């Protein structure tokens, strides 16, 4: 399937993988960047922890506050103007901000999914076996798109399963700990952690 996750940080997107930022002149000298957990976005955590962002901000006589948030709430914060930039997939950049009329600039395209997003299951042989199953995911995210593609390609409808909206900070630990959960769609590094769990297999990915 198409590679669907690119690094968006909004300064995003306003800016940072897409990093995205509203298209405005630098009429201010302080900015807030929202970041969330995804393998391709970990350089932003490193840049924050090692004061690299602070160093470059000082060079240009601005201040950049980096805040860690769950993924969809970070995009909602960007759309609401509570942060100036955020990391997000190109799909979400074209969806939520654009749909809300937010004039956004992509500053950095950092990576592609290439298998980083996946559908993982317990005791289900293939995608067709999802019928009637609860599937845990972050709704309205690229995980939702990946699931929709998987269902379409295997002749199922979304109405034939039950979606359970779960935050990206909880989705991995909850699925690993609760063996009653049979299907989950998420991204790395959560995918790698879940795959190490006995009895879990990957039946679809990006």
N, C-alpha and C. Protein backbone atom coordinates (compact mmCIF):
# COMPACT_ATOMS: atom_id res chain seq x y z
N UNK A 1 0.85 -1.18 0.00
CA UNK A 1 0.00 0.00 0.00
C UNK A 1 0.89 1.24 0.00
N UNK A 2 0.36 2.41 -0.28
CA UNK A 2 1.20 3.60 -0.33
C UNK A 2 1.87 3.86 1.00
N UNK A 3 3.10 4.37 0.94
CA UNK A 3 3.76 4.76 2.17
C UNK A 3 3.08 6.02 2.66
N UNK A 4 2.58 6.00 3.89
CA UNK A 4 1.65 7.05 4.26
C UNK A 4 2.08 7.94 5.40
N UNK A 5 3.21 7.69 6.03
CA UNK A 5 3.56 8.53 7.17
C UNK A 5 4.83 9.31 6.85
N UNK A 6 4.75 10.63 6.79
CA UNK A 6 5.97 11.38 6.64
C UNK A 6 6.18 12.22 7.88
N UNK A 7 7.44 12.55 8.19
CA UNK A 7 7.74 13.27 9.42
C UNK A 7 7.26 14.69 9.29
N UNK A 8 6.34 15.03 10.10
CA UNK A 8 5.81 16.34 10.03
C UNK A 8 5.93 17.02 11.35
N UNK A 9 6.67 18.06 11.43
CA UNK A 9 6.69 18.74 12.68
C UNK A 9 6.04 20.03 12.41
N UNK A 10 5.17 20.62 12.88
CA UNK A 10 4.59 21.76 12.36
C UNK A 10 5.30 23.01 12.75
N UNK A 11 6.02 23.84 12.04
CA UNK A 11 6.40 25.21 12.48
C UNK A 11 6.01 26.07 11.51
N UNK A 12 5.63 24.13 11.55
CA UNK A 12 4.94 23.17 11.16
C UNK A 12 3.96 23.77 10.38
N UNK A 13 3.29 23.17 9.30
CA UNK A 13 2.66 22.17 9.43
C UNK A 13 2.26 22.61 10.43
N UNK A 14 3.13 23.69 10.22
CA UNK A 14 3.81 24.73 10.47
C UNK A 14 5.06 24.28 10.65
N UNK A 15 5.62 22.93 11.14
CA UNK A 15 7.00 22.78 10.86
C UNK A 15 7.65 21.63 11.24
N UNK A 16 7.88 20.94 11.76
CA UNK A 16 8.97 20.03 12.02
C UNK A 16 8.66 18.64 11.54
N UNK A 17 8.42 17.51 10.58
CA UNK A 17 8.05 16.32 9.79
C UNK A 17 6.82 16.02 9.14
N UNK A 18 5.95 15.91 8.86
CA UNK A 18 5.94 17.22 8.48
C UNK A 18 6.03 17.97 9.71
N UNK A 19 6.96 18.83 9.84
CA UNK A 19 6.82 19.77 10.89
C UNK A 19 5.98 20.83 10.27
N UNK A 20 4.91 21.22 10.89
CA UNK A 20 4.04 22.16 10.22
C UNK A 20 3.84 23.43 10.99
N UNK A 21 3.72 24.54 10.29
CA UNK A 21 3.58 25.81 10.98
C UNK A 21 2.67 26.71 10.17
N UNK A 22 1.83 27.52 10.83
CA UNK A 22 0.95 28.38 10.06
C UNK A 22 1.79 29.30 9.20
N UNK A 23 1.27 29.63 8.03
CA UNK A 23 2.04 30.45 7.11
C UNK A 23 1.94 31.91 7.54
N UNK A 24 2.86 32.32 8.39
CA UNK A 24 2.85 33.71 8.88
C UNK A 24 4.28 34.20 8.94
N UNK A 25 4.46 35.52 8.89
CA UNK A 25 5.79 36.08 9.03
C UNK A 25 6.24 35.97 10.47
N UNK A 26 7.55 36.08 10.70
CA UNK A 26 8.07 35.96 12.05
C UNK A 26 7.83 37.26 12.81
N UNK A 27 6.57 37.51 13.12
CA UNK A 27 6.22 38.72 13.85
C UNK A 27 6.29 38.47 15.34
N UNK A 28 6.69 37.27 15.74
CA UNK A 28 6.81 36.92 17.14
C UNK A 28 8.17 36.30 17.36
N UNK A 29 8.57 36.23 18.62
CA UNK A 29 9.90 35.69 18.90
C UNK A 29 9.85 34.47 19.82
N UNK A 30 8.63 33.95 20.09
CA UNK A 30 8.50 32.75 20.89
C UNK A 30 7.51 31.79 20.24
N UNK A 31 7.91 30.52 20.14
CA UNK A 31 7.10 29.52 19.46
C UNK A 31 7.00 28.26 20.32
N UNK A 32 5.89 27.55 20.14
CA UNK A 32 5.72 26.27 20.84
C UNK A 32 5.56 25.16 19.81
N UNK A 33 6.37 24.13 19.95
CA UNK A 33 6.33 22.97 19.06
C UNK A 33 5.82 21.76 19.85
N UNK A 34 4.79 21.09 19.33
CA UNK A 34 4.25 19.89 19.97
C UNK A 34 4.82 18.65 19.29
N UNK A 35 5.36 17.73 20.09
CA UNK A 35 5.89 16.49 19.54
C UNK A 35 5.20 15.30 20.19
N UNK A 36 5.20 14.17 19.50
CA UNK A 36 4.57 12.95 20.02
C UNK A 36 5.42 11.75 19.62
N UNK A 37 5.14 10.62 20.25
CA UNK A 37 5.98 9.43 20.07
C UNK A 37 5.73 8.76 18.71
N UNK A 38 6.78 8.64 17.94
CA UNK A 38 6.81 7.87 16.69
C UNK A 38 8.29 7.70 16.35
N UNK A 39 8.65 6.54 15.82
CA UNK A 39 10.06 6.26 15.55
C UNK A 39 10.73 7.35 14.72
N UNK A 40 10.04 7.81 13.68
CA UNK A 40 10.62 8.82 12.80
C UNK A 40 10.73 10.20 13.40
N UNK A 41 10.08 10.41 14.54
CA UNK A 41 10.11 11.73 15.17
C UNK A 41 11.02 11.79 16.39
N UNK A 42 11.68 10.69 16.70
CA UNK A 42 12.54 10.67 17.88
C UNK A 42 13.69 11.68 17.81
N UNK A 43 14.17 12.05 16.60
CA UNK A 43 15.21 13.09 16.57
C UNK A 43 14.79 14.40 17.24
N UNK A 44 13.48 14.68 17.24
CA UNK A 44 13.02 15.89 17.91
C UNK A 44 13.18 15.79 19.43
N UNK A 45 12.99 14.58 19.97
CA UNK A 45 13.22 14.38 21.41
C UNK A 45 14.70 14.54 21.72
N UNK A 46 15.53 14.00 20.86
CA UNK A 46 16.99 14.13 21.05
C UNK A 46 17.40 15.60 20.99
N UNK A 47 16.87 16.30 19.98
CA UNK A 47 17.21 17.71 19.82
C UNK A 47 16.75 18.54 21.01
N UNK A 48 15.63 18.14 21.60
CA UNK A 48 15.15 18.83 22.80
C UNK A 48 16.05 18.51 23.99
N UNK A 49 16.29 17.22 24.24
CA UNK A 49 17.03 16.80 25.42
C UNK A 49 18.48 17.26 25.40
N UNK A 50 19.06 17.35 24.21
CA UNK A 50 20.46 17.76 24.09
C UNK A 50 20.60 19.26 23.84
N UNK A 51 19.50 19.99 23.97
CA UNK A 51 19.50 21.46 23.84
C UNK A 51 19.89 21.94 22.45
N UNK A 52 19.73 21.09 21.44
CA UNK A 52 20.05 21.49 20.07
C UNK A 52 19.05 22.52 19.57
N UNK A 53 17.77 22.29 19.86
CA UNK A 53 16.75 23.26 19.46
C UNK A 53 17.00 24.59 20.16
N UNK A 54 17.32 24.53 21.44
CA UNK A 54 17.59 25.74 22.21
C UNK A 54 18.77 26.52 21.60
N UNK A 55 19.80 25.79 21.20
CA UNK A 55 20.99 26.41 20.62
C UNK A 55 20.64 27.18 19.35
N UNK A 56 19.86 26.53 18.46
CA UNK A 56 19.52 27.19 17.21
C UNK A 56 18.53 28.31 17.42
N UNK A 57 17.64 28.16 18.38
CA UNK A 57 16.71 29.25 18.68
C UNK A 57 17.47 30.49 19.14
N UNK A 58 18.45 30.27 20.01
CA UNK A 58 19.24 31.39 20.51
C UNK A 58 20.02 32.06 19.39
N UNK A 59 20.47 31.25 18.44
CA UNK A 59 21.23 31.81 17.32
C UNK A 59 20.39 32.82 16.54
N UNK A 60 19.08 32.53 16.43
CA UNK A 60 18.18 33.42 15.69
C UNK A 60 17.36 34.32 16.60
N UNK A 61 17.78 34.36 17.87
CA UNK A 61 17.16 35.27 18.83
C UNK A 61 15.66 35.04 18.97
N UNK A 62 15.29 33.76 19.04
CA UNK A 62 13.91 33.39 19.32
C UNK A 62 13.91 32.34 20.42
N UNK A 63 12.73 32.01 20.91
CA UNK A 63 12.59 30.95 21.92
C UNK A 63 11.64 29.89 21.37
N UNK A 64 12.01 28.62 21.52
CA UNK A 64 11.16 27.52 21.07
C UNK A 64 10.90 26.60 22.25
N UNK A 65 9.65 26.52 22.67
CA UNK A 65 9.26 25.63 23.76
C UNK A 65 8.74 24.34 23.15
N UNK A 66 9.36 23.22 23.48
CA UNK A 66 8.96 21.92 22.94
C UNK A 66 8.14 21.18 23.99
N UNK A 67 6.91 20.82 23.63
CA UNK A 67 6.02 20.15 24.58
C UNK A 67 5.67 18.76 24.04
N UNK A 68 5.59 17.77 24.92
CA UNK A 68 5.24 16.41 24.55
C UNK A 68 3.75 16.18 24.80
N UNK A 69 3.06 15.65 23.78
CA UNK A 69 1.62 15.44 23.86
C UNK A 69 1.26 14.12 23.18
N UNK A 70 0.05 13.61 23.44
CA UNK A 70 -0.48 12.53 22.63
C UNK A 70 -0.68 13.06 21.21
N UNK A 71 -0.71 12.13 20.24
CA UNK A 71 -0.66 12.55 18.84
C UNK A 71 -1.85 13.40 18.37
N UNK A 72 -3.05 12.84 18.39
CA UNK A 72 -4.20 13.61 17.89
C UNK A 72 -4.44 14.88 18.71
N UNK A 73 -4.32 14.84 20.05
CA UNK A 73 -4.44 16.10 20.80
C UNK A 73 -3.42 17.16 20.38
N UNK A 74 -2.23 16.72 19.94
CA UNK A 74 -1.22 17.69 19.50
C UNK A 74 -1.67 18.39 18.22
N UNK A 75 -2.30 17.63 17.32
CA UNK A 75 -2.80 18.24 16.09
C UNK A 75 -3.98 19.16 16.39
N UNK A 76 -4.84 18.73 17.30
CA UNK A 76 -5.97 19.56 17.70
C UNK A 76 -5.47 20.86 18.33
N UNK A 77 -4.39 20.77 19.09
CA UNK A 77 -3.82 21.98 19.70
C UNK A 77 -3.28 22.91 18.62
N UNK A 78 -2.69 22.32 17.60
CA UNK A 78 -2.17 23.13 16.48
C UNK A 78 -3.32 23.83 15.75
N UNK A 79 -4.36 23.08 15.46
CA UNK A 79 -5.51 23.65 14.76
C UNK A 79 -6.16 24.76 15.59
N UNK A 80 -6.18 24.55 16.91
CA UNK A 80 -6.79 25.55 17.80
C UNK A 80 -5.88 26.74 18.08
N UNK A 81 -4.67 26.71 17.56
CA UNK A 81 -3.74 27.82 17.78
C UNK A 81 -3.06 27.81 19.13
N UNK A 82 -3.12 26.67 19.83
CA UNK A 82 -2.49 26.59 21.14
C UNK A 82 -1.00 26.28 21.04
N UNK A 83 -0.58 25.73 19.91
CA UNK A 83 0.84 25.55 19.63
C UNK A 83 1.08 26.08 18.22
N UNK A 84 2.33 26.45 17.94
CA UNK A 84 2.66 27.03 16.64
C UNK A 84 3.08 26.00 15.62
N UNK A 85 3.51 24.83 16.08
CA UNK A 85 4.00 23.81 15.17
C UNK A 85 3.77 22.45 15.79
N UNK A 86 3.76 21.42 14.93
CA UNK A 86 3.56 20.06 15.43
C UNK A 86 4.13 19.06 14.43
N UNK A 87 4.51 17.90 14.93
CA UNK A 87 4.91 16.82 14.03
C UNK A 87 3.64 16.04 13.68
N UNK A 88 3.49 15.70 12.41
CA UNK A 88 2.30 14.96 11.99
C UNK A 88 2.56 14.30 10.65
N UNK A 89 1.73 13.32 10.30
CA UNK A 89 1.86 12.70 8.99
C UNK A 89 1.34 13.64 7.92
N UNK A 90 1.78 13.39 6.68
CA UNK A 90 1.26 14.23 5.59
C UNK A 90 -0.26 14.09 5.48
N UNK A 91 -0.77 12.90 5.83
CA UNK A 91 -2.21 12.69 5.76
C UNK A 91 -2.96 13.61 6.73
N UNK A 92 -2.50 13.65 7.98
CA UNK A 92 -3.15 14.52 8.96
C UNK A 92 -2.94 15.99 8.61
N UNK A 93 -1.79 16.31 8.04
CA UNK A 93 -1.54 17.70 7.65
C UNK A 93 -2.53 18.16 6.58
N UNK A 94 -2.88 17.24 5.68
CA UNK A 94 -3.82 17.57 4.62
C UNK A 94 -5.27 17.47 5.08
N UNK A 95 -5.47 16.83 6.21
CA UNK A 95 -6.83 16.62 6.72
C UNK A 95 -7.23 17.69 7.72
N UNK A 96 -6.76 17.55 8.95
CA UNK A 96 -7.29 18.38 10.03
C UNK A 96 -6.98 19.87 9.88
N UNK A 97 -5.72 20.29 9.72
CA UNK A 97 -5.46 21.73 9.57
C UNK A 97 -6.09 22.30 8.30
N UNK A 98 -5.92 21.60 7.17
CA UNK A 98 -6.45 22.11 5.91
C UNK A 98 -7.96 22.22 5.94
N UNK A 99 -8.61 21.20 6.50
CA UNK A 99 -10.07 21.20 6.58
C UNK A 99 -10.58 22.33 7.46
N UNK A 100 -9.75 22.72 8.43
CA UNK A 100 -10.14 23.80 9.34
C UNK A 100 -9.73 25.18 8.83
N UNK A 101 -9.18 25.21 7.63
CA UNK A 101 -8.80 26.49 7.03
C UNK A 101 -7.50 27.06 7.56
N UNK A 102 -6.66 26.21 8.16
CA UNK A 102 -5.38 26.67 8.70
C UNK A 102 -4.35 26.72 7.58
N UNK A 103 -3.83 27.90 7.29
CA UNK A 103 -2.80 28.07 6.27
C UNK A 103 -1.49 27.56 6.85
N UNK A 104 -1.00 26.45 6.34
CA UNK A 104 0.11 25.75 6.96
C UNK A 104 1.27 25.55 6.00
N UNK A 105 2.47 25.59 6.54
CA UNK A 105 3.68 25.35 5.74
C UNK A 105 4.41 24.13 6.28
N UNK A 106 4.78 23.22 5.40
CA UNK A 106 5.58 22.07 5.80
C UNK A 106 7.05 22.47 5.73
N UNK A 107 7.74 22.39 6.85
CA UNK A 107 9.14 22.80 6.90
C UNK A 107 10.09 21.64 6.71
N UNK A 108 9.74 20.48 7.25
CA UNK A 108 10.64 19.33 7.17
C UNK A 108 9.83 18.08 6.85
N UNK A 109 10.22 17.36 5.82
CA UNK A 109 9.66 16.03 5.56
C UNK A 109 10.73 15.04 5.97
N UNK A 110 10.47 14.31 7.05
CA UNK A 110 11.55 13.57 7.68
C UNK A 110 11.64 12.09 7.40
N UNK A 111 10.52 11.42 7.05
CA UNK A 111 10.62 9.98 6.84
C UNK A 111 9.38 9.46 6.15
N UNK A 112 9.40 8.16 5.84
CA UNK A 112 8.24 7.47 5.29
C UNK A 112 7.96 6.25 6.14
N UNK A 113 6.72 5.81 6.12
CA UNK A 113 6.34 4.71 7.01
C UNK A 113 7.11 3.43 6.70
N UNK A 114 6.96 2.91 5.48
CA UNK A 114 7.71 1.72 5.04
C UNK A 114 7.67 0.62 6.09
N UNK A 115 6.47 0.31 6.57
CA UNK A 115 6.32 -0.76 7.54
C UNK A 115 6.21 -0.32 8.98
N UNK A 116 6.33 0.96 9.25
CA UNK A 116 6.29 1.44 10.63
C UNK A 116 4.89 1.45 11.24
N UNK A 117 3.88 1.34 10.39
CA UNK A 117 2.50 1.27 10.88
C UNK A 117 1.99 -0.15 10.61
N UNK A 118 1.29 -0.74 11.58
CA UNK A 118 0.92 -2.15 11.40
C UNK A 118 -0.35 -2.52 12.16
N UNK A 119 -0.98 -3.59 11.67
CA UNK A 119 -2.14 -4.22 12.29
C UNK A 119 -1.67 -5.51 12.93
N UNK A 120 -1.78 -5.59 14.26
CA UNK A 120 -1.30 -6.74 15.01
C UNK A 120 -2.46 -7.45 15.69
N UNK A 121 -2.37 -8.78 15.78
CA UNK A 121 -3.51 -9.55 16.30
C UNK A 121 -3.05 -10.69 17.20
N UNK A 122 -4.03 -11.18 17.97
CA UNK A 122 -3.88 -12.43 18.75
C UNK A 122 -4.90 -13.44 18.23
N UNK A 123 -4.44 -14.60 17.77
CA UNK A 123 -5.36 -15.67 17.42
C UNK A 123 -6.25 -15.40 16.22
N UNK A 124 -5.90 -14.45 15.38
CA UNK A 124 -6.67 -14.15 14.17
C UNK A 124 -5.75 -14.40 12.98
N UNK A 125 -6.14 -15.28 12.06
CA UNK A 125 -5.22 -15.69 10.99
C UNK A 125 -4.96 -14.65 9.91
N UNK A 126 -5.95 -13.82 9.63
CA UNK A 126 -5.79 -12.85 8.54
C UNK A 126 -6.79 -11.72 8.72
N UNK A 127 -6.75 -10.75 7.80
CA UNK A 127 -7.62 -9.57 7.91
C UNK A 127 -9.09 -9.96 7.90
N UNK A 128 -9.46 -10.94 7.10
CA UNK A 128 -10.87 -11.36 7.05
C UNK A 128 -11.36 -11.87 8.40
N UNK A 129 -10.42 -12.36 9.21
CA UNK A 129 -10.78 -12.86 10.53
C UNK A 129 -11.13 -11.78 11.53
N UNK A 130 -10.98 -10.52 11.13
CA UNK A 130 -11.31 -9.40 12.02
C UNK A 130 -12.82 -9.20 12.18
N UNK A 131 -13.61 -9.80 11.32
CA UNK A 131 -15.06 -9.57 11.34
C UNK A 131 -15.62 -9.84 12.74
N UNK A 132 -16.34 -8.84 13.28
CA UNK A 132 -16.93 -8.94 14.60
C UNK A 132 -15.98 -8.67 15.75
N UNK A 133 -14.74 -8.29 15.44
CA UNK A 133 -13.71 -8.09 16.46
C UNK A 133 -13.58 -6.63 16.86
N UNK A 134 -13.24 -6.37 18.12
CA UNK A 134 -12.88 -5.02 18.55
C UNK A 134 -11.46 -4.73 18.11
N UNK A 135 -11.26 -3.60 17.45
CA UNK A 135 -9.93 -3.21 16.99
C UNK A 135 -9.55 -1.91 17.69
N UNK A 136 -8.44 -1.93 18.40
CA UNK A 136 -7.97 -0.78 19.17
C UNK A 136 -7.03 0.07 18.30
N UNK A 137 -7.25 1.38 18.31
CA UNK A 137 -6.45 2.29 17.48
C UNK A 137 -6.69 3.73 17.90
N UNK A 138 -5.88 4.63 17.38
CA UNK A 138 -6.12 6.06 17.55
C UNK A 138 -7.00 6.48 16.39
N UNK A 139 -8.27 6.73 16.69
CA UNK A 139 -9.20 7.09 15.63
C UNK A 139 -8.80 8.38 14.93
N UNK A 140 -9.11 8.45 13.63
CA UNK A 140 -8.86 9.61 12.77
C UNK A 140 -7.38 9.85 12.52
N UNK A 141 -6.55 8.88 12.90
CA UNK A 141 -5.11 8.99 12.64
C UNK A 141 -4.76 8.13 11.43
N UNK A 142 -3.48 8.10 11.07
CA UNK A 142 -3.04 7.27 9.96
C UNK A 142 -3.32 5.79 10.24
N UNK A 143 -3.41 5.40 11.50
CA UNK A 143 -3.77 4.02 11.85
C UNK A 143 -5.18 3.70 11.33
N UNK A 144 -6.07 4.66 11.44
CA UNK A 144 -7.45 4.49 10.97
C UNK A 144 -7.44 4.27 9.45
N UNK A 145 -6.61 5.05 8.76
CA UNK A 145 -6.50 4.90 7.31
C UNK A 145 -5.94 3.53 6.94
N UNK A 146 -4.89 3.10 7.65
CA UNK A 146 -4.29 1.80 7.36
C UNK A 146 -5.31 0.68 7.54
N UNK A 147 -6.09 0.77 8.61
CA UNK A 147 -7.12 -0.25 8.85
C UNK A 147 -8.17 -0.23 7.74
N UNK A 148 -8.59 0.96 7.34
CA UNK A 148 -9.59 1.08 6.28
C UNK A 148 -9.09 0.45 4.99
N UNK A 149 -7.81 0.66 4.69
CA UNK A 149 -7.20 0.07 3.49
C UNK A 149 -7.16 -1.45 3.59
N UNK A 150 -6.79 -1.94 4.77
CA UNK A 150 -6.72 -3.39 4.98
C UNK A 150 -8.09 -4.02 4.79
N UNK A 151 -9.10 -3.40 5.38
CA UNK A 151 -10.46 -3.93 5.26
C UNK A 151 -10.93 -3.91 3.80
N UNK A 152 -10.71 -2.79 3.13
CA UNK A 152 -11.14 -2.66 1.74
C UNK A 152 -10.46 -3.71 0.85
N UNK A 153 -9.18 -3.91 1.06
CA UNK A 153 -8.43 -4.85 0.22
C UNK A 153 -8.84 -6.31 0.47
N UNK A 154 -9.50 -6.56 1.61
CA UNK A 154 -9.89 -7.93 1.93
C UNK A 154 -11.41 -8.11 1.99
N UNK A 155 -12.13 -7.16 1.41
CA UNK A 155 -13.57 -7.32 1.25
C UNK A 155 -14.40 -7.13 2.50
N UNK A 156 -13.88 -6.41 3.49
CA UNK A 156 -14.66 -6.13 4.70
C UNK A 156 -15.03 -4.66 4.77
N UNK A 157 -16.07 -4.37 5.55
CA UNK A 157 -16.48 -2.99 5.79
C UNK A 157 -16.18 -2.62 7.23
N UNK A 158 -15.98 -1.34 7.48
CA UNK A 158 -15.70 -0.89 8.85
C UNK A 158 -16.86 -1.21 9.77
N UNK A 159 -18.07 -1.24 9.24
CA UNK A 159 -19.25 -1.54 10.06
C UNK A 159 -19.25 -2.99 10.55
N UNK A 160 -18.38 -3.83 10.00
CA UNK A 160 -18.33 -5.23 10.39
C UNK A 160 -17.37 -5.49 11.55
N UNK A 161 -16.70 -4.44 12.00
CA UNK A 161 -15.84 -4.54 13.17
C UNK A 161 -16.24 -3.45 14.15
N UNK A 162 -15.63 -3.44 15.32
CA UNK A 162 -15.91 -2.40 16.31
C UNK A 162 -14.62 -1.67 16.63
N UNK A 163 -14.60 -0.37 16.37
CA UNK A 163 -13.42 0.44 16.66
C UNK A 163 -13.43 0.86 18.13
N UNK A 164 -12.26 0.77 18.77
CA UNK A 164 -12.11 1.22 20.14
C UNK A 164 -11.02 2.28 20.16
N UNK A 165 -11.43 3.53 20.34
CA UNK A 165 -10.46 4.64 20.32
C UNK A 165 -9.58 4.58 21.56
N UNK A 166 -8.26 4.63 21.35
CA UNK A 166 -7.30 4.52 22.44
C UNK A 166 -6.18 5.53 22.23
N UNK A 167 -5.71 6.15 23.29
CA UNK A 167 -4.62 7.13 23.14
C UNK A 167 -3.33 6.42 22.78
N UNK A 168 -2.47 7.11 22.03
CA UNK A 168 -1.22 6.48 21.62
C UNK A 168 -0.29 6.22 22.80
N UNK A 169 -0.46 6.94 23.89
CA UNK A 169 0.39 6.70 25.06
C UNK A 169 -0.03 5.44 25.81
N UNK A 170 -1.28 5.01 25.64
CA UNK A 170 -1.79 3.83 26.36
C UNK A 170 -1.88 2.58 25.49
N UNK A 171 -1.90 2.74 24.18
CA UNK A 171 -2.29 1.64 23.30
C UNK A 171 -1.36 0.43 23.39
N UNK A 172 -0.05 0.67 23.46
CA UNK A 172 0.89 -0.44 23.54
C UNK A 172 0.81 -1.20 24.85
N UNK A 173 1.01 -0.52 25.98
CA UNK A 173 0.94 -1.21 27.28
C UNK A 173 -0.41 -1.89 27.52
N UNK A 174 -1.49 -1.27 27.08
CA UNK A 174 -2.82 -1.85 27.30
C UNK A 174 -2.99 -3.14 26.51
N UNK A 175 -2.55 -3.15 25.26
CA UNK A 175 -2.70 -4.35 24.45
C UNK A 175 -1.81 -5.48 24.97
N UNK A 176 -0.60 -5.16 25.37
CA UNK A 176 0.33 -6.17 25.89
C UNK A 176 -0.22 -6.79 27.17
N UNK A 177 -0.79 -5.96 28.03
CA UNK A 177 -1.24 -6.44 29.34
C UNK A 177 -2.58 -7.16 29.29
N UNK A 178 -3.42 -6.81 28.33
CA UNK A 178 -4.78 -7.34 28.30
C UNK A 178 -4.94 -8.34 27.16
N UNK A 179 -4.87 -9.61 27.48
CA UNK A 179 -4.94 -10.65 26.45
C UNK A 179 -6.32 -10.78 25.83
N UNK A 180 -7.31 -10.12 26.41
CA UNK A 180 -8.66 -10.16 25.82
C UNK A 180 -8.73 -9.27 24.59
N UNK A 181 -7.77 -8.34 24.45
CA UNK A 181 -7.71 -7.50 23.26
C UNK A 181 -7.10 -8.33 22.12
N UNK A 182 -7.81 -8.42 21.01
CA UNK A 182 -7.39 -9.31 19.92
C UNK A 182 -6.77 -8.60 18.72
N UNK A 183 -7.00 -7.29 18.58
CA UNK A 183 -6.47 -6.59 17.40
C UNK A 183 -6.15 -5.14 17.74
N UNK A 184 -5.03 -4.68 17.22
CA UNK A 184 -4.60 -3.31 17.47
C UNK A 184 -3.90 -2.77 16.23
N UNK A 185 -4.09 -1.49 15.96
CA UNK A 185 -3.38 -0.82 14.86
C UNK A 185 -2.61 0.34 15.47
N UNK A 186 -1.32 0.38 15.25
CA UNK A 186 -0.51 1.46 15.81
C UNK A 186 0.77 1.63 15.00
N UNK A 187 1.72 2.39 15.53
CA UNK A 187 2.96 2.68 14.81
C UNK A 187 4.15 2.42 15.73
N UNK A 188 5.33 2.42 15.12
CA UNK A 188 6.55 2.25 15.91
C UNK A 188 6.85 3.49 16.74
N UNK A 189 7.43 3.30 17.93
CA UNK A 189 8.01 2.07 18.48
C UNK A 189 7.02 1.12 19.15
N UNK A 190 5.73 1.50 19.22
CA UNK A 190 4.76 0.61 19.87
C UNK A 190 4.64 -0.73 19.14
N UNK A 191 4.72 -0.70 17.80
CA UNK A 191 4.62 -1.94 17.04
C UNK A 191 5.72 -2.92 17.46
N UNK A 192 6.94 -2.45 17.55
CA UNK A 192 8.06 -3.32 17.93
C UNK A 192 7.86 -3.91 19.32
N UNK A 193 7.36 -3.11 20.24
CA UNK A 193 7.12 -3.60 21.61
C UNK A 193 6.03 -4.66 21.64
N UNK A 194 4.95 -4.42 20.90
CA UNK A 194 3.84 -5.37 20.89
C UNK A 194 4.25 -6.66 20.20
N UNK A 195 5.04 -6.57 19.13
CA UNK A 195 5.46 -7.76 18.39
C UNK A 195 6.28 -8.73 19.24
N UNK A 196 6.91 -8.23 20.27
CA UNK A 196 7.72 -9.09 21.14
C UNK A 196 6.86 -9.90 22.10
N UNK A 197 5.56 -9.61 22.13
CA UNK A 197 4.65 -10.32 23.03
C UNK A 197 4.30 -11.69 22.46
N UNK A 198 4.48 -12.77 23.21
CA UNK A 198 4.12 -14.11 22.72
C UNK A 198 2.67 -14.19 22.26
N UNK A 199 2.46 -14.83 21.12
CA UNK A 199 1.11 -15.01 20.62
C UNK A 199 0.59 -13.88 19.75
N UNK A 200 1.41 -12.86 19.54
CA UNK A 200 1.00 -11.72 18.71
C UNK A 200 1.66 -11.81 17.33
N UNK A 201 0.89 -11.55 16.28
CA UNK A 201 1.44 -11.58 14.94
C UNK A 201 0.98 -10.36 14.15
N UNK A 202 1.73 -10.02 13.13
CA UNK A 202 1.40 -8.89 12.25
C UNK A 202 0.72 -9.43 10.99
N UNK A 203 -0.46 -8.91 10.66
CA UNK A 203 -1.17 -9.40 9.49
C UNK A 203 -1.31 -8.34 8.39
N UNK A 204 -0.90 -7.09 8.66
CA UNK A 204 -0.96 -6.05 7.64
C UNK A 204 -0.09 -4.89 8.10
N UNK A 205 0.64 -4.28 7.16
CA UNK A 205 1.42 -3.08 7.52
C UNK A 205 1.52 -2.14 6.34
N UNK A 206 2.20 -1.03 6.58
CA UNK A 206 2.32 0.01 5.56
C UNK A 206 3.42 -0.31 4.57
